[in-house]
Protein backbone atom coordinates (compact mmCIF):
# COMPACT_ATOMS: atom_id res chain seq x y z
CA MET A 1 -96.41 -65.27 -6.89
CA GLU A 2 -99.85 -64.64 -5.50
CA THR A 3 -102.48 -67.32 -5.72
CA ALA A 4 -105.25 -66.27 -8.05
CA ILE A 5 -108.56 -65.84 -6.27
CA PRO A 6 -111.61 -65.24 -8.42
CA THR A 7 -113.65 -62.17 -7.69
CA VAL A 8 -116.82 -63.00 -5.81
CA ASN A 9 -119.98 -61.55 -7.29
CA CYS A 10 -121.76 -58.81 -5.39
CA ILE A 11 -123.72 -60.25 -2.48
CA ARG A 12 -127.23 -58.81 -2.47
CA ARG A 13 -128.65 -60.84 0.39
CA PRO A 14 -128.37 -59.78 4.03
CA LEU A 15 -125.39 -61.12 5.89
CA SER A 16 -126.12 -63.40 8.82
CA THR A 17 -126.32 -61.47 12.08
CA ASN A 18 -125.79 -64.53 14.25
CA PHE A 19 -122.14 -63.75 14.77
CA THR A 20 -122.08 -63.93 18.55
CA ALA A 21 -123.03 -67.59 18.40
CA VAL A 22 -119.81 -68.60 16.63
CA SER A 23 -118.18 -71.30 18.73
CA VAL A 24 -114.62 -72.53 18.76
CA SER A 25 -115.62 -75.84 17.21
CA GLY A 26 -117.68 -73.98 14.63
CA LEU A 27 -114.56 -72.27 13.37
CA GLY A 28 -113.18 -75.60 12.21
CA PHE A 29 -110.78 -76.09 15.09
CA ARG A 30 -109.61 -79.37 16.52
CA LYS A 31 -112.37 -80.70 18.76
CA SER A 32 -110.26 -81.86 21.67
CA PRO A 33 -111.25 -80.05 24.89
CA THR A 34 -109.59 -76.70 25.50
CA PHE A 35 -110.36 -74.63 28.59
CA PHE A 36 -109.99 -70.86 28.50
CA THR A 37 -108.91 -68.92 31.56
CA ARG A 38 -107.34 -65.53 32.12
CA ALA A 39 -104.00 -66.64 33.50
CA SER A 40 -104.52 -69.97 35.22
CA VAL A 41 -101.67 -72.44 35.11
CA ALA A 42 -103.83 -75.51 35.63
CA VAL A 43 -106.05 -77.12 33.03
CA GLU A 44 -109.44 -78.29 34.25
CA ASP A 45 -110.08 -82.02 34.03
CA LYS A 46 -113.62 -82.91 35.10
CA THR A 47 -112.85 -86.62 35.17
CA LYS A 48 -110.08 -86.29 37.74
CA THR A 49 -109.71 -84.44 40.98
CA LYS A 50 -106.06 -83.72 40.37
CA ALA A 51 -105.30 -80.64 38.23
CA LYS A 52 -102.90 -81.07 35.37
CA THR A 53 -100.23 -78.49 34.59
CA ALA A 54 -100.11 -77.23 31.01
CA VAL A 55 -96.84 -77.75 29.16
CA ILE A 56 -97.37 -74.68 26.96
CA ARG A 57 -99.72 -71.81 27.75
CA ILE A 58 -100.58 -69.79 24.64
CA GLY A 59 -101.58 -66.17 25.30
CA THR A 60 -104.00 -64.54 22.88
CA ARG A 61 -106.75 -61.98 22.52
CA GLY A 62 -110.27 -63.36 22.68
CA SER A 63 -111.70 -62.38 19.29
CA PRO A 64 -112.73 -65.18 16.91
CA LEU A 65 -109.81 -64.29 14.62
CA ALA A 66 -107.29 -64.24 17.46
CA LEU A 67 -108.56 -67.62 18.63
CA ALA A 68 -108.30 -68.99 15.08
CA GLN A 69 -104.66 -67.92 15.05
CA ALA A 70 -104.02 -69.44 18.47
CA HIS A 71 -105.56 -72.74 17.36
CA GLU A 72 -103.50 -72.68 14.16
CA THR A 73 -100.42 -72.33 16.36
CA ARG A 74 -101.61 -75.16 18.59
CA GLU A 75 -102.17 -77.49 15.62
CA LYS A 76 -98.73 -76.74 14.18
CA LEU A 77 -97.08 -77.37 17.53
CA ILE A 78 -98.83 -80.73 17.80
CA ALA A 79 -97.90 -81.66 14.22
CA SER A 80 -94.22 -80.90 14.87
CA HIS A 81 -94.13 -82.28 18.43
CA PRO A 82 -96.51 -85.26 18.83
CA GLU A 83 -95.91 -85.37 22.59
CA LEU A 84 -97.93 -82.15 22.82
CA ALA A 85 -101.03 -83.91 21.48
CA GLU A 86 -101.80 -85.26 24.95
CA GLU A 87 -104.91 -83.67 26.43
CA GLY A 88 -103.98 -80.65 28.52
CA ALA A 89 -100.47 -80.29 27.12
CA ILE A 90 -101.37 -76.99 25.46
CA GLN A 91 -103.60 -74.43 27.13
CA ILE A 92 -105.02 -71.30 25.49
CA VAL A 93 -105.19 -68.30 27.81
CA ILE A 94 -107.42 -65.40 26.74
CA ILE A 95 -106.15 -61.97 27.71
CA LYS A 96 -108.28 -58.88 27.16
CA THR A 97 -106.22 -55.96 25.90
CA THR A 98 -106.82 -52.23 26.15
CA GLY A 99 -107.55 -52.16 22.42
CA ASP A 100 -110.34 -54.68 22.95
CA LYS A 101 -111.85 -52.75 25.86
CA ILE A 102 -112.01 -49.29 24.27
CA LEU A 103 -113.96 -49.40 21.02
CA SER A 104 -115.56 -45.95 21.03
CA GLN A 105 -112.44 -44.08 19.87
CA PRO A 106 -110.01 -44.38 16.95
CA LEU A 107 -106.85 -46.31 17.81
CA ALA A 108 -104.73 -43.25 17.05
CA ASP A 109 -106.51 -41.34 19.83
CA ILE A 110 -105.92 -43.92 22.56
CA GLY A 111 -102.34 -44.94 21.98
CA GLY A 112 -101.94 -46.89 18.75
CA LYS A 113 -101.03 -50.46 17.90
CA GLY A 114 -99.39 -51.47 21.17
CA LEU A 115 -102.86 -51.46 22.73
CA PHE A 116 -103.47 -54.92 21.23
CA THR A 117 -100.25 -56.43 22.58
CA LYS A 118 -99.31 -54.69 25.85
CA GLU A 119 -101.24 -56.86 28.30
CA ILE A 120 -100.24 -60.05 26.47
CA ASP A 121 -96.58 -59.02 26.56
CA GLU A 122 -96.87 -58.31 30.29
CA ALA A 123 -98.35 -61.76 30.88
CA LEU A 124 -95.44 -63.27 28.95
CA ILE A 125 -92.79 -61.32 30.86
CA ASN A 126 -94.43 -62.26 34.18
CA SER A 127 -94.52 -65.96 33.21
CA HIS A 128 -98.33 -66.18 33.26
CA ILE A 129 -98.08 -67.55 29.71
CA ASP A 130 -95.26 -69.28 27.80
CA ILE A 131 -95.80 -67.95 24.27
CA ALA A 132 -97.80 -65.09 22.80
CA VAL A 133 -99.58 -65.23 19.44
CA HIS A 134 -99.90 -61.88 17.68
CA SER A 135 -101.18 -60.52 14.39
CA MET A 136 -97.87 -59.04 13.28
CA LYS A 137 -99.48 -55.90 11.90
CA ASP A 138 -100.46 -55.06 15.52
CA VAL A 139 -96.93 -55.47 16.92
CA PRO A 140 -94.92 -52.25 17.45
CA THR A 141 -91.50 -52.12 15.77
CA TYR A 142 -89.86 -52.35 19.19
CA LEU A 143 -90.20 -55.46 21.35
CA PRO A 144 -90.53 -55.34 25.14
CA GLU A 145 -87.38 -56.15 27.07
CA LYS A 146 -86.93 -59.86 27.83
CA THR A 147 -89.02 -60.99 24.83
CA ILE A 148 -88.11 -62.27 21.37
CA LEU A 149 -90.06 -63.13 18.21
CA PRO A 150 -88.34 -66.27 16.89
CA CYS A 151 -91.24 -67.50 14.78
CA SER A 152 -93.43 -66.35 11.91
CA LEU A 153 -96.05 -68.75 10.59
CA PRO A 154 -96.59 -68.99 6.81
CA ARG A 155 -98.20 -65.77 5.63
CA GLU A 156 -101.80 -65.73 4.42
CA ASP A 157 -103.07 -63.73 1.44
CA VAL A 158 -102.09 -60.11 2.08
CA ARG A 159 -104.77 -58.47 -0.05
CA ASP A 160 -107.79 -56.48 1.12
CA ALA A 161 -111.37 -57.52 0.47
CA PHE A 162 -114.18 -55.15 -0.56
CA ILE A 163 -117.52 -56.09 1.03
CA CYS A 164 -120.77 -54.47 -0.03
CA LEU A 165 -124.45 -55.42 -0.32
CA THR A 166 -125.27 -53.14 -3.23
CA ALA A 167 -122.23 -52.71 -5.50
CA SER A 168 -119.86 -55.24 -7.07
CA SER A 169 -116.79 -52.98 -6.88
CA ILE A 170 -115.61 -49.74 -5.31
CA ALA A 171 -115.94 -48.00 -8.65
CA GLU A 172 -119.68 -48.78 -8.69
CA LEU A 173 -120.37 -47.04 -5.38
CA PRO A 174 -122.40 -43.84 -5.87
CA ALA A 175 -120.83 -40.53 -4.87
CA GLY A 176 -121.33 -39.88 -1.16
CA SER A 177 -121.43 -43.57 -0.24
CA ILE A 178 -120.09 -44.25 3.25
CA VAL A 179 -117.26 -46.76 3.61
CA GLY A 180 -116.33 -47.95 7.10
CA THR A 181 -112.75 -48.66 8.12
CA ALA A 182 -110.52 -48.35 11.18
CA SER A 183 -107.41 -48.02 9.00
CA LEU A 184 -105.89 -44.71 7.91
CA ARG A 185 -103.94 -46.68 5.31
CA ARG A 186 -107.16 -47.87 3.68
CA LYS A 187 -108.86 -44.49 4.08
CA SER A 188 -106.06 -42.53 2.41
CA GLN A 189 -105.63 -44.90 -0.55
CA LEU A 190 -109.39 -45.12 -1.02
CA LEU A 191 -109.94 -41.35 -1.02
CA ASN A 192 -106.94 -40.81 -3.29
CA ARG A 193 -108.65 -42.88 -6.01
CA TYR A 194 -112.30 -42.16 -5.14
CA PRO A 195 -112.50 -38.68 -3.56
CA SER A 196 -116.31 -38.58 -3.91
CA LEU A 197 -116.71 -41.28 -1.23
CA LYS A 198 -117.04 -40.66 2.49
CA VAL A 199 -115.04 -42.68 4.99
CA VAL A 200 -116.00 -43.43 8.60
CA GLU A 201 -112.64 -44.11 10.23
CA ASN A 202 -113.76 -45.31 13.66
CA PHE A 203 -115.35 -48.44 12.21
CA ARG A 204 -113.87 -50.73 14.87
CA GLY A 205 -114.71 -54.13 16.29
CA ASN A 206 -114.00 -57.70 15.27
CA VAL A 207 -114.87 -59.04 11.83
CA GLN A 208 -118.31 -60.21 12.93
CA THR A 209 -119.15 -56.84 14.48
CA ARG A 210 -118.15 -54.93 11.35
CA LEU A 211 -120.21 -57.18 9.11
CA ARG A 212 -123.19 -56.77 11.40
CA LYS A 213 -122.87 -52.98 11.18
CA LEU A 214 -122.70 -53.24 7.39
CA ASN A 215 -125.81 -55.39 7.34
CA GLU A 216 -127.61 -52.84 9.55
CA GLY A 217 -126.84 -50.04 7.10
CA VAL A 218 -124.40 -48.10 9.30
CA VAL A 219 -122.13 -47.99 6.23
CA GLN A 220 -122.60 -48.96 2.58
CA ALA A 221 -119.33 -50.87 2.30
CA THR A 222 -116.23 -51.88 4.19
CA LEU A 223 -112.72 -53.18 3.55
CA LEU A 224 -111.29 -56.11 5.53
CA ALA A 225 -108.10 -58.15 5.38
CA LEU A 226 -108.66 -61.23 3.22
CA ALA A 227 -106.27 -63.16 5.50
CA GLY A 228 -108.62 -62.83 8.44
CA LEU A 229 -111.66 -63.84 6.42
CA LYS A 230 -109.82 -66.94 5.18
CA ARG A 231 -108.76 -67.94 8.69
CA LEU A 232 -112.37 -67.57 9.83
CA SER A 233 -113.72 -69.45 6.78
CA MET A 234 -115.83 -66.41 5.92
CA THR A 235 -114.74 -65.69 2.35
CA GLU A 236 -118.36 -66.07 1.20
CA THR A 237 -118.89 -62.53 2.49
CA VAL A 238 -116.36 -61.07 0.03
CA THR A 239 -117.69 -59.02 -2.87
CA CYS A 240 -114.33 -58.67 -4.61
CA VAL A 241 -110.62 -58.82 -3.82
CA LEU A 242 -108.51 -55.72 -4.37
CA SER A 243 -105.19 -56.05 -6.16
CA ILE A 244 -101.93 -55.00 -4.55
CA ASP A 245 -101.76 -52.13 -7.04
CA ASP A 246 -105.18 -50.86 -5.98
CA MET A 247 -104.63 -51.19 -2.23
CA LEU A 248 -101.13 -51.79 -0.90
CA PRO A 249 -101.39 -53.81 2.34
CA ALA A 250 -100.34 -52.86 5.82
CA VAL A 251 -96.87 -53.76 6.99
CA ALA A 252 -96.95 -57.42 8.11
CA GLN A 253 -100.57 -57.91 7.04
CA GLY A 254 -101.57 -61.58 6.95
CA ALA A 255 -98.66 -62.67 9.16
CA ILE A 256 -98.78 -64.35 12.58
CA GLY A 257 -95.84 -63.85 14.92
CA ILE A 258 -95.17 -65.91 18.03
CA ALA A 259 -93.15 -64.48 20.92
CA CYS A 260 -91.53 -66.04 23.96
CA ARG A 261 -89.27 -64.89 26.75
CA SER A 262 -85.65 -64.40 25.72
CA ASP A 263 -84.45 -66.69 28.53
CA ASP A 264 -86.82 -69.56 27.68
CA GLU A 265 -84.69 -71.82 25.51
CA LYS A 266 -87.25 -74.62 25.49
CA MET A 267 -90.01 -72.44 24.04
CA ALA A 268 -87.61 -70.84 21.58
CA THR A 269 -86.74 -74.34 20.32
CA TYR A 270 -90.41 -75.25 19.95
CA LEU A 271 -91.08 -72.06 17.99
CA ALA A 272 -88.01 -72.38 15.80
CA SER A 273 -89.48 -75.62 14.45
CA LEU A 274 -92.56 -73.71 13.24
CA ASN A 275 -90.81 -70.71 11.71
CA HIS A 276 -91.44 -69.95 8.02
CA GLU A 277 -88.27 -68.21 6.92
CA ASP A 278 -89.61 -66.53 3.79
CA THR A 279 -92.32 -64.89 5.87
CA ARG A 280 -89.89 -63.87 8.62
CA LEU A 281 -87.60 -62.17 6.10
CA ALA A 282 -90.46 -60.36 4.36
CA ILE A 283 -91.81 -59.09 7.68
CA SER A 284 -88.33 -57.97 8.74
CA CYS A 285 -88.02 -55.89 5.57
CA GLU A 286 -91.41 -54.27 6.03
CA ARG A 287 -90.88 -53.55 9.73
CA ALA A 288 -87.48 -51.98 9.02
CA PHE A 289 -89.28 -49.62 6.66
CA LEU A 290 -91.95 -48.86 9.26
CA GLU A 291 -89.37 -48.29 11.99
CA LYS A 292 -87.48 -45.80 9.81
CA LEU A 293 -90.68 -43.83 9.35
CA GLU A 294 -91.49 -44.14 13.06
CA GLY A 295 -94.92 -45.17 11.84
CA SER A 296 -97.97 -45.37 14.05
CA CYS A 297 -101.74 -45.54 13.71
CA ARG A 298 -101.64 -41.81 12.95
CA THR A 299 -99.63 -42.27 9.78
CA PRO A 300 -101.01 -43.86 6.58
CA ILE A 301 -98.19 -46.26 5.67
CA ALA A 302 -98.16 -49.41 3.54
CA GLY A 303 -95.41 -51.84 2.64
CA TYR A 304 -95.15 -55.29 1.11
CA ALA A 305 -92.12 -57.51 0.45
CA SER A 306 -92.45 -60.63 -1.72
CA ARG A 307 -90.48 -62.97 -3.93
CA ASP A 308 -90.64 -62.19 -7.63
CA GLU A 309 -90.50 -64.76 -10.42
CA ASP A 310 -86.69 -64.77 -10.28
CA GLY A 311 -86.58 -65.42 -6.54
CA ASN A 312 -85.52 -61.88 -5.64
CA CYS A 313 -87.20 -59.61 -3.14
CA LEU A 314 -89.55 -56.96 -4.53
CA PHE A 315 -90.49 -54.37 -1.93
CA LYS A 316 -93.27 -51.85 -2.56
CA ALA A 317 -94.00 -49.03 -0.14
CA LEU A 318 -96.01 -45.85 0.23
CA VAL A 319 -96.91 -43.06 2.59
CA ALA A 320 -99.98 -40.87 2.21
CA SER A 321 -101.53 -37.77 3.67
CA PRO A 322 -104.48 -38.64 5.94
CA GLU A 323 -107.18 -37.50 3.51
CA GLY A 324 -105.46 -39.13 0.54
CA ILE A 325 -104.66 -35.84 -1.17
CA GLN A 326 -101.12 -37.00 -1.82
CA VAL A 327 -99.65 -40.51 -2.02
CA LEU A 328 -95.91 -41.09 -2.33
CA GLU A 329 -94.73 -44.48 -3.59
CA THR A 330 -91.42 -46.23 -4.07
CA SER A 331 -90.03 -49.73 -4.63
CA ARG A 332 -86.83 -51.70 -4.22
CA LYS A 333 -85.49 -54.95 -5.67
CA GLY A 334 -82.66 -57.10 -4.35
CA ALA A 335 -81.54 -60.43 -2.99
CA TYR A 336 -84.03 -62.34 -0.81
CA ALA A 337 -81.65 -62.33 2.15
CA TYR A 338 -81.93 -60.73 5.59
CA ASP A 339 -79.24 -58.03 5.36
CA ASP A 340 -80.26 -57.01 1.83
CA MET A 341 -83.94 -56.85 2.74
CA ILE A 342 -83.36 -54.81 5.90
CA LYS A 343 -81.32 -52.36 3.82
CA MET A 344 -84.13 -52.12 1.25
CA GLY A 345 -86.68 -51.33 3.93
CA VAL A 346 -84.52 -48.68 5.59
CA ASP A 347 -83.54 -47.12 2.26
CA ALA A 348 -87.17 -46.92 1.11
CA GLY A 349 -88.11 -45.29 4.41
CA GLU A 350 -85.36 -42.70 4.11
CA GLU A 351 -86.44 -41.83 0.57
CA LEU A 352 -90.09 -41.34 1.46
CA LEU A 353 -89.23 -39.32 4.56
CA SER A 354 -87.14 -37.02 2.43
CA ARG A 355 -89.81 -36.66 -0.24
CA ALA A 356 -92.60 -36.13 2.27
CA GLY A 357 -90.93 -33.32 4.17
CA PRO A 358 -92.15 -31.76 7.43
CA GLY A 359 -95.87 -31.62 8.07
CA PHE A 360 -96.74 -34.10 5.31
CA PHE A 361 -99.00 -36.26 7.48
CA ASN A 362 -100.94 -33.22 8.69
CA ARG A 363 -102.12 -32.19 5.23
């Protein structure tokens, strides 16, 4: 069952624009020294002349949220393996991806989700890093050769947050209000329920950048993943939280996946100790659904698998036309077990493909 989170009242004061000054320690991370490099194997030690080799090099994007996820991984590794608490035993390597470099175009126009993982995967395959930390919603349904994903960390809240300076809910937004989002999933569901709104779909950038644009009046409101805001300790910016029924989340939203090379038994063992099986199974169900639809950033798709009160898996899914004119929904219920959940995801995908018919996503 979902943890109840009270709706936050409408925030009518300007949001802080000092986002670029956010430091690693300011995000509530462990304060032991961590040195960021692109792909260096050695960890700097200013008190010694001899460089120290990192035991585990964690590859990640450089956004505040990506770093929060990398530090969460680091803390869990240390908690499970105390020998990794020694200074320099874990190094965080920042890798800039194509998706981070090109912000002027919608993701769908420059290649889709793999743009946030490609360079990190290449660093992993080439042994420049030992493990890769990904937001699972950014990971394509296929994995690069020679890599595996043996670990999913416990999933955060999957719901979306509505953030606005002038209205306490989406329903209160005046007709013609501009909502910024980089997600076709959010755009289509939003316009399906509130066709009088306008949606800017190339509203890209990290969380801090999007909030700055909102504060500057570029848009009147935006929608962000509550999971990211929680990991950044920024829930004070939330106006209200949308229910699953109002906005079905993206496949794998709120989940962190950790990859390693398929031939690296030591890293696979480390990661296996961190794996949260309920999350892994839920993500597997959702990704099976996405794979059946051959979903990409050009297709508005949502899917969410969870345990119900009886311990079974409840899977909800939808596809939508880009402008939200039509939304097709379905659900499945079955045993919370891998084979059953994969079957549910595939079956739901086949149903929606059949109901959508050719040309559905171009309407």
